[in-house]
PDB file of N, CA and C in Angstrom:
ATOM      1  N   MET A   1      23.104 -91.288  23.446  1.00  0.00           N
ATOM      2  CA  MET A   1      22.671 -90.380  22.440  1.00  0.00           C
ATOM      3  C   MET A   1      23.497 -89.110  22.536  1.00  0.00           C
ATOM      4  N   VAL A   2      24.056 -88.711  21.432  1.00  0.00           N
ATOM      5  CA  VAL A   2      24.911 -87.532  21.383  1.00  0.00           C
ATOM      6  C   VAL A   2      24.042 -86.370  20.922  1.00  0.00           C
ATOM      7  N   THR A   3      24.123 -85.296  21.692  1.00  0.00           N
ATOM      8  CA  THR A   3      23.316 -84.127  21.322  1.00  0.00           C
ATOM      9  C   THR A   3      24.238 -83.012  20.853  1.00  0.00           C
ATOM     10  N   ASP A   4      23.834 -82.357  19.869  1.00  0.00           N
ATOM     11  CA  ASP A   4      24.590 -81.230  19.320  1.00  0.00           C
ATOM     12  C   ASP A   4      23.977 -79.936  19.828  1.00  0.00           C
ATOM     13  N   LYS A   5      24.812 -78.987  20.213  1.00  0.00           N
ATOM     14  CA  LYS A   5      24.293 -77.716  20.749  1.00  0.00           C
ATOM     15  C   LYS A   5      23.485 -76.949  19.709  1.00  0.00           C
ATOM     16  N   THR A   6      23.880 -77.006  18.484  1.00  0.00           N
ATOM     17  CA  THR A   6      23.155 -76.291  17.446  1.00  0.00           C
ATOM     18  C   THR A   6      21.780 -76.887  17.225  1.00  0.00           C
ATOM     19  N   SER A   7      21.650 -78.164  17.337  1.00  0.00           N
ATOM     20  CA  SER A   7      20.343 -78.778  17.143  1.00  0.00           C
ATOM     21  C   SER A   7      19.418 -78.462  18.305  1.00  0.00           C
ATOM     22  N   LEU A   8      19.986 -78.333  19.530  1.00  0.00           N
ATOM     23  CA  LEU A   8      19.173 -77.972  20.685  1.00  0.00           C
ATOM     24  C   LEU A   8      18.676 -76.532  20.560  1.00  0.00           C
ATOM     25  N   ALA A   9      19.547 -75.641  20.086  1.00  0.00           N
ATOM     26  CA  ALA A   9      19.153 -74.242  19.954  1.00  0.00           C
ATOM     27  C   ALA A   9      18.048 -74.097  18.923  1.00  0.00           C
ATOM     28  N   ALA A  10      18.071 -74.915  17.918  1.00  0.00           N
ATOM     29  CA  ALA A  10      17.051 -74.828  16.887  1.00  0.00           C
ATOM     30  C   ALA A  10      15.722 -75.347  17.390  1.00  0.00           C
ATOM     31  N   LYS A  11      15.739 -76.316  18.323  1.00  0.00           N
ATOM     32  CA  LYS A  11      14.511 -76.915  18.810  1.00  0.00           C
ATOM     33  C   LYS A  11      13.897 -76.141  19.962  1.00  0.00           C
ATOM     34  N   GLU A  12      14.689 -75.256  20.629  1.00  0.00           N
ATOM     35  CA  GLU A  12      14.163 -74.527  21.775  1.00  0.00           C
ATOM     36  C   GLU A  12      13.118 -73.519  21.321  1.00  0.00           C
ATOM     37  N   PRO A  13      12.122 -73.285  22.167  1.00  0.00           N
ATOM     38  CA  PRO A  13      11.116 -72.297  21.798  1.00  0.00           C
ATOM     39  C   PRO A  13      11.721 -70.898  21.806  1.00  0.00           C
ATOM     40  N   ALA A  14      11.132 -70.002  21.049  1.00  0.00           N
ATOM     41  CA  ALA A  14      11.644 -68.639  20.932  1.00  0.00           C
ATOM     42  C   ALA A  14      11.419 -67.884  22.227  1.00  0.00           C
ATOM     43  N   THR A  15      12.414 -67.135  22.654  1.00  0.00           N
ATOM     44  CA  THR A  15      12.293 -66.318  23.856  1.00  0.00           C
ATOM     45  C   THR A  15      11.499 -65.067  23.504  1.00  0.00           C
ATOM     46  N   PRO A  16      10.985 -64.347  24.509  1.00  0.00           N
ATOM     47  CA  PRO A  16      10.230 -63.127  24.203  1.00  0.00           C
ATOM     48  C   PRO A  16      11.037 -62.104  23.418  1.00  0.00           C
ATOM     49  N   ALA A  17      12.332 -62.005  23.668  1.00  0.00           N
ATOM     50  CA  ALA A  17      13.164 -61.037  22.949  1.00  0.00           C
ATOM     51  C   ALA A  17      13.252 -61.382  21.468  1.00  0.00           C
ATOM     52  N   THR A  18      13.423 -62.661  21.156  1.00  0.00           N
ATOM     53  CA  THR A  18      13.513 -63.046  19.749  1.00  0.00           C
ATOM     54  C   THR A  18      12.151 -62.986  19.086  1.00  0.00           C
ATOM     55  N   ALA A  19      11.101 -63.201  19.855  1.00  0.00           N
ATOM     56  CA  ALA A  19       9.754 -63.111  19.290  1.00  0.00           C
ATOM     57  C   ALA A  19       9.440 -61.682  18.894  1.00  0.00           C
ATOM     58  N   LYS A  20       9.884 -60.712  19.686  1.00  0.00           N
ATOM     59  CA  LYS A  20       9.658 -59.300  19.356  1.00  0.00           C
ATOM     60  C   LYS A  20      10.380 -58.930  18.074  1.00  0.00           C
ATOM     61  N   ARG A  21      11.613 -59.406  17.956  1.00  0.00           N
ATOM     62  CA  ARG A  21      12.360 -59.116  16.734  1.00  0.00           C
ATOM     63  C   ARG A  21      11.652 -59.676  15.519  1.00  0.00           C
ATOM     64  N   THR A  22      11.107 -60.842  15.648  1.00  0.00           N
ATOM     65  CA  THR A  22      10.394 -61.478  14.546  1.00  0.00           C
ATOM     66  C   THR A  22       9.153 -60.678  14.202  1.00  0.00           C
ATOM     67  N   VAL A  23       8.457 -60.208  15.195  1.00  0.00           N
ATOM     68  CA  VAL A  23       7.238 -59.430  14.956  1.00  0.00           C
ATOM     69  C   VAL A  23       7.579 -58.103  14.301  1.00  0.00           C
ATOM     70  N   LYS A  24       8.644 -57.469  14.764  1.00  0.00           N
ATOM     71  CA  LYS A  24       9.038 -56.191  14.177  1.00  0.00           C
ATOM     72  C   LYS A  24       9.406 -56.357  12.715  1.00  0.00           C
ATOM     73  N   ARG A  25      10.105 -57.410  12.389  1.00  0.00           N
ATOM     74  CA  ARG A  25      10.495 -57.630  10.999  1.00  0.00           C
ATOM     75  C   ARG A  25       9.277 -57.893  10.125  1.00  0.00           C
ATOM     76  N   ALA A  26       8.335 -58.596  10.642  1.00  0.00           N
ATOM     77  CA  ALA A  26       7.150 -58.932   9.865  1.00  0.00           C
ATOM     78  C   ALA A  26       6.241 -57.725   9.707  1.00  0.00           C
ATOM     79  N   ALA A  27       6.298 -56.770  10.641  1.00  0.00           N
ATOM     80  CA  ALA A  27       5.408 -55.617  10.592  1.00  0.00           C
ATOM     81  C   ALA A  27       5.813 -54.628   9.498  1.00  0.00           C
ATOM     82  N   LYS A  28       7.058 -54.612   9.097  1.00  0.00           N
ATOM     83  CA  LYS A  28       7.521 -53.665   8.083  1.00  0.00           C
ATOM     84  C   LYS A  28       7.151 -54.154   6.694  1.00  0.00           C
ATOM     85  N   PRO A  29       6.421 -53.364   5.928  1.00  0.00           N
ATOM     86  CA  PRO A  29       6.172 -53.758   4.548  1.00  0.00           C
ATOM     87  C   PRO A  29       7.447 -53.548   3.731  1.00  0.00           C
ATOM     88  N   ALA A  30       7.771 -54.495   2.932  1.00  0.00           N
ATOM     89  CA  ALA A  30       9.030 -54.459   2.197  1.00  0.00           C
ATOM     90  C   ALA A  30       8.994 -53.527   0.996  1.00  0.00           C
ATOM     91  N   THR A  31       7.870 -53.382   0.321  1.00  0.00           N
ATOM     92  CA  THR A  31       7.843 -52.635  -0.925  1.00  0.00           C
ATOM     93  C   THR A  31       7.125 -51.297  -0.831  1.00  0.00           C
ATOM     94  N   GLU A  32       6.329 -51.053   0.183  1.00  0.00           N
ATOM     95  CA  GLU A  32       5.567 -49.811   0.252  1.00  0.00           C
ATOM     96  C   GLU A  32       6.439 -48.663   0.732  1.00  0.00           C
ATOM     97  N   LYS A  33       6.296 -47.522   0.075  1.00  0.00           N
ATOM     98  CA  LYS A  33       7.007 -46.317   0.477  1.00  0.00           C
ATOM     99  C   LYS A  33       5.958 -45.294   0.910  1.00  0.00           C
ATOM    100  N   PRO A  34       6.271 -44.479   1.908  1.00  0.00           N
ATOM    101  CA  PRO A  34       5.282 -43.489   2.347  1.00  0.00           C
ATOM    102  C   PRO A  34       5.053 -42.444   1.258  1.00  0.00           C
ATOM    103  N   VAL A  35       3.823 -42.056   1.087  1.00  0.00           N
ATOM    104  CA  VAL A  35       3.457 -41.066   0.091  1.00  0.00           C
ATOM    105  C   VAL A  35       3.492 -39.697   0.748  1.00  0.00           C
ATOM    106  N   LYS A  36       4.254 -38.793   0.166  1.00  0.00           N
ATOM    107  CA  LYS A  36       4.357 -37.439   0.706  1.00  0.00           C
ATOM    108  C   LYS A  36       3.171 -36.618   0.223  1.00  0.00           C
ATOM    109  N   ALA A  37       2.644 -35.806   1.125  1.00  0.00           N
ATOM    110  CA  ALA A  37       1.537 -34.920   0.763  1.00  0.00           C
ATOM    111  C   ALA A  37       2.075 -33.791  -0.097  1.00  0.00           C
ATOM    112  N   THR A  38       1.320 -33.387  -1.083  1.00  0.00           N
ATOM    113  CA  THR A  38       1.751 -32.289  -1.936  1.00  0.00           C
ATOM    114  C   THR A  38       1.605 -30.988  -1.163  1.00  0.00           C
ATOM    115  N   PRO A  39       2.591 -30.103  -1.240  1.00  0.00           N
ATOM    116  CA  PRO A  39       2.514 -28.856  -0.490  1.00  0.00           C
ATOM    117  C   PRO A  39       1.449 -27.933  -1.074  1.00  0.00           C
ATOM    118  N   LYS A  40       0.787 -27.221  -0.197  1.00  0.00           N
ATOM    119  CA  LYS A  40      -0.216 -26.261  -0.645  1.00  0.00           C
ATOM    120  C   LYS A  40       0.489 -25.028  -1.174  1.00  0.00           C
ATOM    121  N   LEU A  41      -0.228 -24.228  -1.930  1.00  0.00           N
ATOM    122  CA  LEU A  41       0.367 -23.024  -2.495  1.00  0.00           C
ATOM    123  C   LEU A  41       0.807 -22.056  -1.403  1.00  0.00           C
ATOM    124  N   ALA A  42       0.057 -21.983  -0.316  1.00  0.00           N
ATOM    125  CA  ALA A  42       0.395 -21.072   0.761  1.00  0.00           C
ATOM    126  C   ALA A  42       1.631 -21.531   1.514  1.00  0.00           C
ATOM    127  N   ASP A  43       1.951 -22.825   1.457  1.00  0.00           N
ATOM    128  CA  ASP A  43       3.098 -23.356   2.170  1.00  0.00           C
ATOM    129  C   ASP A  43       4.413 -23.074   1.448  1.00  0.00           C
ATOM    130  N   LYS A  44       4.371 -22.722   0.184  1.00  0.00           N
ATOM    131  CA  LYS A  44       5.587 -22.480  -0.579  1.00  0.00           C
ATOM    132  C   LYS A  44       6.251 -21.202  -0.098  1.00  0.00           C
ATOM    133  N   LYS A  45       7.577 -21.242  -0.017  1.00  0.00           N
ATOM    134  CA  LYS A  45       8.334 -20.063   0.365  1.00  0.00           C
ATOM    135  C   LYS A  45       8.504 -19.184  -0.866  1.00  0.00           C
ATOM    136  N   PRO A  46       8.400 -17.867  -0.706  1.00  0.00           N
ATOM    137  CA  PRO A  46       8.608 -17.000  -1.870  1.00  0.00           C
ATOM    138  C   PRO A  46      10.067 -17.051  -2.294  1.00  0.00           C
ATOM    139  N   GLU A  47      10.271 -16.935  -3.585  1.00  0.00           N
ATOM    140  CA  GLU A  47      11.625 -16.978  -4.109  1.00  0.00           C
ATOM    141  C   GLU A  47      12.372 -15.729  -3.670  1.00  0.00           C
ATOM    142  N   LYS A  48      13.630 -15.918  -3.313  1.00  0.00           N
ATOM    143  CA  LYS A  48      14.440 -14.788  -2.889  1.00  0.00           C
ATOM    144  C   LYS A  48      14.859 -13.993  -4.113  1.00  0.00           C
ATOM    145  N   THR A  49      14.775 -12.690  -3.995  1.00  0.00           N
ATOM    146  CA  THR A  49      15.219 -11.848  -5.095  1.00  0.00           C
ATOM    147  C   THR A  49      16.693 -11.555  -4.913  1.00  0.00           C
ATOM    148  N   ARG A  50      17.383 -11.532  -5.987  1.00  0.00           N
ATOM    149  CA  ARG A  50      18.806 -11.245  -5.943  1.00  0.00           C
ATOM    150  C   ARG A  50      19.015  -9.754  -5.746  1.00  0.00           C
ATOM    151  N   LYS A  51      20.042  -9.434  -5.020  1.00  0.00           N
ATOM    152  CA  LYS A  51      20.372  -8.029  -4.822  1.00  0.00           C
ATOM    153  C   LYS A  51      20.928  -7.472  -6.121  1.00  0.00           C
ATOM    154  N   VAL A  52      20.499  -6.274  -6.451  1.00  0.00           N
ATOM    155  CA  VAL A  52      20.978  -5.612  -7.656  1.00  0.00           C
ATOM    156  C   VAL A  52      22.281  -4.910  -7.313  1.00  0.00           C
ATOM    157  N   LYS A  53      23.296  -5.149  -8.103  1.00  0.00           N
ATOM    158  CA  LYS A  53      24.566  -4.472  -7.866  1.00  0.00           C
ATOM    159  C   LYS A  53      24.436  -3.014  -8.268  1.00  0.00           C
ATOM    160  N   VAL A  54      24.965  -2.139  -7.441  1.00  0.00           N
ATOM    161  CA  VAL A  54      24.934  -0.719  -7.747  1.00  0.00           C
ATOM    162  C   VAL A  54      26.347  -0.246  -8.039  1.00  0.00           C
ATOM    163  N   VAL A  55      26.437   0.768  -8.868  1.00  0.00           N
ATOM    164  CA  VAL A  55      27.723   1.312  -9.280  1.00  0.00           C
ATOM    165  C   VAL A  55      27.782   2.764  -8.849  1.00  0.00           C
ATOM    166  N   ARG A  56      28.881   3.136  -8.240  1.00  0.00           N
ATOM    167  CA  ARG A  56      29.080   4.529  -7.850  1.00  0.00           C
ATOM    168  C   ARG A  56      29.998   5.158  -8.885  1.00  0.00           C
ATOM    169  N   ASP A  57      29.594   6.316  -9.384  1.00  0.00           N
ATOM    170  CA  ASP A  57      30.335   6.981 -10.439  1.00  0.00           C
ATOM    171  C   ASP A  57      30.244   8.482 -10.230  1.00  0.00           C
ATOM    172  N   SER A  58      31.103   9.210 -10.878  1.00  0.00           N
ATOM    173  CA  SER A  58      31.020  10.672 -10.832  1.00  0.00           C
ATOM    174  C   SER A  58      31.022  11.189 -12.264  1.00  0.00           C
ATOM    175  N   PHE A  59      30.433  12.350 -12.443  1.00  0.00           N
ATOM    176  CA  PHE A  59      30.352  12.938 -13.772  1.00  0.00           C
ATOM    177  C   PHE A  59      30.337  14.450 -13.641  1.00  0.00           C
ATOM    178  N   THR A  60      30.491  15.104 -14.752  1.00  0.00           N
ATOM    179  CA  THR A  60      30.528  16.563 -14.788  1.00  0.00           C
ATOM    180  C   THR A  60      29.378  17.046 -15.654  1.00  0.00           C
ATOM    181  N   MET A  61      28.699  18.098 -15.170  1.00  0.00           N
ATOM    182  CA  MET A  61      27.618  18.704 -15.948  1.00  0.00           C
ATOM    183  C   MET A  61      27.559  20.188 -15.641  1.00  0.00           C
ATOM    184  N   PRO A  62      27.008  20.969 -16.560  1.00  0.00           N
ATOM    185  CA  PRO A  62      26.875  22.405 -16.301  1.00  0.00           C
ATOM    186  C   PRO A  62      25.968  22.661 -15.092  1.00  0.00           C
ATOM    187  N   GLN A  63      26.251  23.751 -14.381  1.00  0.00           N
ATOM    188  CA  GLN A  63      25.528  24.065 -13.159  1.00  0.00           C
ATOM    189  C   GLN A  63      24.034  24.272 -13.426  1.00  0.00           C
ATOM    190  N   GLU A  64      23.684  24.878 -14.563  1.00  0.00           N
ATOM    191  CA  GLU A  64      22.265  25.107 -14.886  1.00  0.00           C
ATOM    192  C   GLU A  64      21.497  23.786 -14.994  1.00  0.00           C
ATOM    193  N   GLU A  65      22.127  22.806 -15.633  1.00  0.00           N
ATOM    194  CA  GLU A  65      21.481  21.501 -15.785  1.00  0.00           C
ATOM    195  C   GLU A  65      21.418  20.760 -14.452  1.00  0.00           C
ATOM    196  N   TYR A  66      22.433  20.965 -13.614  1.00  0.00           N
ATOM    197  CA  TYR A  66      22.437  20.334 -12.298  1.00  0.00           C
ATOM    198  C   TYR A  66      21.300  20.902 -11.440  1.00  0.00           C
ATOM    199  N   LYS A  67      21.027  22.201 -11.596  1.00  0.00           N
ATOM    200  CA  LYS A  67      19.926  22.836 -10.853  1.00  0.00           C
ATOM    201  C   LYS A  67      18.572  22.308 -11.302  1.00  0.00           C
ATOM    202  N   GLU A  68      18.498  21.824 -12.540  1.00  0.00           N
ATOM    203  CA  GLU A  68      17.250  21.237 -13.044  1.00  0.00           C
ATOM    204  C   GLU A  68      16.858  20.009 -12.229  1.00  0.00           C
ATOM    205  N   ILE A  69      17.850  19.274 -11.767  1.00  0.00           N
ATOM    206  CA  ILE A  69      17.567  18.091 -10.945  1.00  0.00           C
ATOM    207  C   ILE A  69      16.837  18.522  -9.678  1.00  0.00           C
ATOM    208  N   ALA A  70      17.318  19.597  -9.045  1.00  0.00           N
ATOM    209  CA  ALA A  70      16.675  20.112  -7.826  1.00  0.00           C
ATOM    210  C   ALA A  70      15.257  20.591  -8.114  1.00  0.00           C
ATOM    211  N   LYS A  71      15.058  21.229  -9.267  1.00  0.00           N
ATOM    212  CA  LYS A  71      13.708  21.697  -9.630  1.00  0.00           C
ATOM    213  C   LYS A  71      12.747  20.518  -9.800  1.00  0.00           C
ATOM    214  N   ILE A  72      13.221  19.474 -10.457  1.00  0.00           N
ATOM    215  CA  ILE A  72      12.384  18.285 -10.659  1.00  0.00           C
ATOM    216  C   ILE A  72      12.072  17.624  -9.319  1.00  0.00           C
ATOM    217  N   LYS A  73      13.070  17.551  -8.434  1.00  0.00           N
ATOM    218  CA  LYS A  73      12.845  16.984  -7.105  1.00  0.00           C
ATOM    219  C   LYS A  73      11.799  17.789  -6.335  1.00  0.00           C
ATOM    220  N   ASP A  74      11.883  19.126  -6.404  1.00  0.00           N
ATOM    221  CA  ASP A  74      10.908  19.981  -5.709  1.00  0.00           C
ATOM    222  C   ASP A  74       9.507  19.784  -6.273  1.00  0.00           C
ATOM    223  N   ALA A  75       9.393  19.697  -7.592  1.00  0.00           N
ATOM    224  CA  ALA A  75       8.085  19.501  -8.221  1.00  0.00           C
ATOM    225  C   ALA A  75       7.488  18.158  -7.789  1.00  0.00           C
ATOM    226  N   CYS A  76       8.314  17.141  -7.732  1.00  0.00           N
ATOM    227  CA  CYS A  76       7.833  15.827  -7.299  1.00  0.00           C
ATOM    228  C   CYS A  76       7.415  15.855  -5.829  1.00  0.00           C
ATOM    229  N   ARG A  77       8.200  16.536  -4.997  1.00  0.00           N
ATOM    230  CA  ARG A  77       7.874  16.622  -3.576  1.00  0.00           C
ATOM    231  C   ARG A  77       6.542  17.339  -3.356  1.00  0.00           C
ATOM    232  N   LYS A  78       6.307  18.419  -4.103  1.00  0.00           N
ATOM    233  CA  LYS A  78       5.038  19.151  -4.005  1.00  0.00           C
ATOM    234  C   LYS A  78       3.863  18.293  -4.454  1.00  0.00           C
ATOM    235  N   ALA A  79       4.108  17.382  -5.364  1.00  0.00           N
ATOM    236  CA  ALA A  79       3.056  16.489  -5.851  1.00  0.00           C
ATOM    237  C   ALA A  79       2.872  15.275  -4.932  1.00  0.00           C
ATOM    238  N   GLY A  80       3.634  15.241  -3.838  1.00  0.00           N
ATOM    239  CA  GLY A  80       3.505  14.132  -2.896  1.00  0.00           C
ATOM    240  C   GLY A  80       4.333  12.914  -3.255  1.00  0.00           C
ATOM    241  N   LEU A  81       5.339  13.128  -4.085  1.00  0.00           N
ATOM    242  CA  LEU A  81       6.197  12.029  -4.514  1.00  0.00           C
ATOM    243  C   LEU A  81       7.658  12.383  -4.236  1.00  0.00           C
ATOM    244  N   PRO A  82       8.126  12.123  -3.022  1.00  0.00           N
ATOM    245  CA  PRO A  82       9.526  12.455  -2.737  1.00  0.00           C
ATOM    246  C   PRO A  82      10.466  11.509  -3.492  1.00  0.00           C
ATOM    247  N   VAL A  83      11.443  12.090  -4.183  1.00  0.00           N
ATOM    248  CA  VAL A  83      12.395  11.293  -4.957  1.00  0.00           C
ATOM    249  C   VAL A  83      13.813  11.715  -4.617  1.00  0.00           C
ATOM    250  N   LYS A  84      14.739  10.848  -4.929  1.00  0.00           N
ATOM    251  CA  LYS A  84      16.155  11.138  -4.748  1.00  0.00           C
ATOM    252  C   LYS A  84      16.745  11.553  -6.081  1.00  0.00           C
ATOM    253  N   LYS A  85      17.911  12.191  -6.000  1.00  0.00           N
ATOM    254  CA  LYS A  85      18.582  12.650  -7.214  1.00  0.00           C
ATOM    255  C   LYS A  85      18.858  11.478  -8.154  1.00  0.00           C
ATOM    256  N   SER A  86      19.294  10.361  -7.598  1.00  0.00           N
ATOM    257  CA  SER A  86      19.603   9.209  -8.452  1.00  0.00           C
ATOM    258  C   SER A  86      18.347   8.683  -9.137  1.00  0.00           C
ATOM    259  N   GLU A  87      17.188   8.770  -8.457  1.00  0.00           N
ATOM    260  CA  GLU A  87      15.937   8.311  -9.077  1.00  0.00           C
ATOM    261  C   GLU A  87      15.539   9.215 -10.234  1.00  0.00           C
ATOM    262  N   VAL A  88      15.790  10.533 -10.091  1.00  0.00           N
ATOM    263  CA  VAL A  88      15.493  11.463 -11.191  1.00  0.00           C
ATOM    264  C   VAL A  88      16.372  11.128 -12.389  1.00  0.00           C
ATOM    265  N   LEU A  89      17.650  10.900 -12.147  1.00  0.00           N
ATOM    266  CA  LEU A  89      18.567  10.579 -13.252  1.00  0.00           C
ATOM    267  C   LEU A  89      18.213   9.243 -13.902  1.00  0.00           C
ATOM    268  N   ARG A  90      17.858   8.261 -13.099  1.00  0.00           N
ATOM    269  CA  ARG A  90      17.484   6.958 -13.656  1.00  0.00           C
ATOM    270  C   ARG A  90      16.207   7.054 -14.475  1.00  0.00           C
ATOM    271  N   ALA A  91      15.246   7.870 -14.024  1.00  0.00           N
ATOM    272  CA  ALA A  91      14.009   8.061 -14.789  1.00  0.00           C
ATOM    273  C   ALA A  91      14.319   8.732 -16.123  1.00  0.00           C
ATOM    274  N   GLY A  92      15.241   9.700 -16.096  1.00  0.00           N
ATOM    275  CA  GLY A  92      15.662  10.352 -17.337  1.00  0.00           C
ATOM    276  C   GLY A  92      16.290   9.371 -18.305  1.00  0.00           C
ATOM    277  N   LEU A  93      17.082   8.439 -17.787  1.00  0.00           N
ATOM    278  CA  LEU A  93      17.692   7.415 -18.643  1.00  0.00           C
ATOM    279  C   LEU A  93      16.639   6.507 -19.260  1.00  0.00           C
ATOM    280  N   LYS A  94      15.619   6.202 -18.481  1.00  0.00           N
ATOM    281  CA  LYS A  94      14.535   5.361 -19.015  1.00  0.00           C
ATOM    282  C   LYS A  94      13.825   6.048 -20.175  1.00  0.00           C
ATOM    283  N   VAL A  95      13.583   7.346 -20.016  1.00  0.00           N
ATOM    284  CA  VAL A  95      12.922   8.111 -21.080  1.00  0.00           C
ATOM    285  C   VAL A  95      13.826   8.171 -22.317  1.00  0.00           C
ATOM    286  N   LEU A  96      15.115   8.402 -22.102  1.00  0.00           N
ATOM    287  CA  LEU A  96      16.042   8.438 -23.235  1.00  0.00           C
ATOM    288  C   LEU A  96      16.092   7.098 -23.967  1.00  0.00           C
ATOM    289  N   GLY A  97      16.003   6.035 -23.232  1.00  0.00           N
ATOM    290  CA  GLY A  97      16.034   4.704 -23.837  1.00  0.00           C
ATOM    291  C   GLY A  97      14.837   4.419 -24.719  1.00  0.00           C
ATOM    292  N   GLU A  98      13.748   5.140 -24.512  1.00  0.00           N
ATOM    293  CA  GLU A  98      12.539   4.929 -25.315  1.00  0.00           C
ATOM    294  C   GLU A  98      12.519   5.765 -26.596  1.00  0.00           C
ATOM    295  N   LEU A  99      13.489   6.660 -26.764  1.00  0.00           N
ATOM    296  CA  LEU A  99      13.544   7.499 -27.968  1.00  0.00           C
ATOM    297  C   LEU A  99      14.086   6.700 -29.138  1.00  0.00           C
ATOM    298  N   ASN A 100      13.654   7.082 -30.341  1.00  0.00           N
ATOM    299  CA  ASN A 100      14.271   6.465 -31.516  1.00  0.00           C
ATOM    300  C   ASN A 100      15.582   7.183 -31.812  1.00  0.00           C
ATOM    301  N   MET A 101      16.368   6.679 -32.716  1.00  0.00           N
ATOM    302  CA  MET A 101      17.712   7.206 -32.950  1.00  0.00           C
ATOM    303  C   MET A 101      17.696   8.638 -33.482  1.00  0.00           C
ATOM    304  N   ALA A 102      16.730   8.993 -34.311  1.00  0.00           N
ATOM    305  CA  ALA A 102      16.661  10.359 -34.843  1.00  0.00           C
ATOM    306  C   ALA A 102      16.407  11.350 -33.703  1.00  0.00           C
ATOM    307  N   GLN A 103      15.489  11.009 -32.793  1.00  0.00           N
ATOM    308  CA  GLN A 103      15.212  11.879 -31.647  1.00  0.00           C
ATOM    309  C   GLN A 103      16.438  11.972 -30.736  1.00  0.00           C
ATOM    310  N   MET A 104      17.118  10.870 -30.547  1.00  0.00           N
ATOM    311  CA  MET A 104      18.311  10.849 -29.707  1.00  0.00           C
ATOM    312  C   MET A 104      19.407  11.743 -30.289  1.00  0.00           C
ATOM    313  N   LYS A 105      19.607  11.679 -31.615  1.00  0.00           N
ATOM    314  CA  LYS A 105      20.635  12.502 -32.263  1.00  0.00           C
ATOM    315  C   LYS A 105      20.331  13.987 -32.094  1.00  0.00           C
ATOM    316  N   ARG A 106      19.059  14.371 -32.291  1.00  0.00           N
ATOM    317  CA  ARG A 106      18.675  15.775 -32.129  1.00  0.00           C
ATOM    318  C   ARG A 106      18.905  16.254 -30.695  1.00  0.00           C
ATOM    319  N   LEU A 107      18.543  15.442 -29.757  1.00  0.00           N
ATOM    320  CA  LEU A 107      18.675  15.804 -28.349  1.00  0.00           C
ATOM    321  C   LEU A 107      20.148  15.951 -27.961  1.00  0.00           C
ATOM    322  N   LEU A 108      20.976  14.983 -28.351  1.00  0.00           N
ATOM    323  CA  LEU A 108      22.384  15.038 -27.998  1.00  0.00           C
ATOM    324  C   LEU A 108      23.126  16.151 -28.740  1.00  0.00           C
ATOM    325  N   ALA A 109      22.684  16.489 -29.945  1.00  0.00           N
ATOM    326  CA  ALA A 109      23.309  17.573 -30.695  1.00  0.00           C
ATOM    327  C   ALA A 109      23.040  18.919 -30.018  1.00  0.00           C
ATOM    328  N   GLY A 110      21.942  19.026 -29.278  1.00  0.00           N
ATOM    329  CA  GLY A 110      21.601  20.280 -28.602  1.00  0.00           C
ATOM    330  C   GLY A 110      22.336  20.493 -27.284  1.00  0.00           C
ATOM    331  N   LEU A 111      23.062  19.505 -26.819  1.00  0.00           N
ATOM    332  CA  LEU A 111      23.808  19.652 -25.571  1.00  0.00           C
ATOM    333  C   LEU A 111      25.155  20.312 -25.805  1.00  0.00           C
ATOM    334  N   LYS A 112      25.577  21.125 -24.828  1.00  0.00           N
ATOM    335  CA  LYS A 112      26.915  21.719 -24.895  1.00  0.00           C
ATOM    336  C   LYS A 112      27.930  20.661 -24.493  1.00  0.00           C
ATOM    337  N   LYS A 113      29.087  20.695 -25.110  1.00  0.00           N
ATOM    338  CA  LYS A 113      30.173  19.798 -24.724  1.00  0.00           C
ATOM    339  C   LYS A 113      30.795  20.353 -23.447  1.00  0.00           C
ATOM    340  N   VAL A 114      31.030  19.478 -22.501  1.00  0.00           N
ATOM    341  CA  VAL A 114      31.576  19.886 -21.209  1.00  0.00           C
ATOM    342  C   VAL A 114      32.896  19.155 -21.015  1.00  0.00           C
ATOM    343  N   LYS A 115      33.901  19.943 -20.629  1.00  0.00           N
ATOM    344  CA  LYS A 115      35.202  19.353 -20.357  1.00  0.00           C
ATOM    345  C   LYS A 115      35.153  18.728 -18.968  1.00  0.00           C
ATOM    346  N   ALA A 116      35.615  17.516 -18.859  1.00  0.00           N
ATOM    347  CA  ALA A 116      35.630  16.824 -17.574  1.00  0.00           C
ATOM    348  C   ALA A 116      36.655  17.486 -16.674  1.00  0.00           C
ATOM    349  N   VAL A 117      36.211  17.908 -15.506  1.00  0.00           N
ATOM    350  CA  VAL A 117      37.089  18.568 -14.543  1.00  0.00           C
ATOM    351  C   VAL A 117      37.244  17.660 -13.339  1.00  0.00           C
ATOM    352  N   ARG A 118      38.471  17.409 -12.987  1.00  0.00           N
ATOM    353  CA  ARG A 118      38.744  16.571 -11.818  1.00  0.00           C
ATOM    354  C   ARG A 118      39.339  17.449 -10.735  1.00  0.00           C
ATOM    355  N   SER A 119      38.880  17.194  -9.520  1.00  0.00           N
ATOM    356  CA  SER A 119      39.429  17.964  -8.411  1.00  0.00           C
ATOM    357  C   SER A 119      40.821  17.441  -8.067  1.00  0.00           C
ATOM    358  N   ALA A 120      41.695  18.354  -7.666  1.00  0.00           N
ATOM    359  CA  ALA A 120      43.064  17.962  -7.324  1.00  0.00           C
ATOM    360  C   ALA A 120      43.055  17.305  -5.948  1.00  0.00           C
ATOM    361  N   LYS A 121      43.658  16.121  -5.860  1.00  0.00           N
ATOM    362  CA  LYS A 121      43.731  15.430  -4.577  1.00  0.00           C
ATOM    363  C   LYS A 121      45.004  15.835  -3.864  1.00  0.00           C
ATOM    364  N   PRO A 122      44.924  16.145  -2.584  1.00  0.00           N
ATOM    365  CA  PRO A 122      46.133  16.565  -1.860  1.00  0.00           C
ATOM    366  C   PRO A 122      47.106  15.448  -1.634  1.00  0.00           C
TER     367      PRO A 122
END
């Protein structure tokens, strides 16, 4: 009787190592996917705010009007609201933006024209 090695291997009982592999394969469900829990509202990270780009600029204004900025800053400080010069100017721009065109024309017509003066660089 001639025996073939492949036929003997097929007839031999499974070793413990091959039995484990068979069990592991059978234990995995083929179609089920794990369901992720929905995150709670408290678990969400707050969205990052983008940095606002700032612009540095210089301008010319009459000394009397420049002193008004200091007066406004002092009044705010006395009221318990310390502000910076740039905040005073930005607040002024906000107020100007809320004016209608007729009010804007009257206001700008009342300003003196100032010649831009540049300091001489050495």
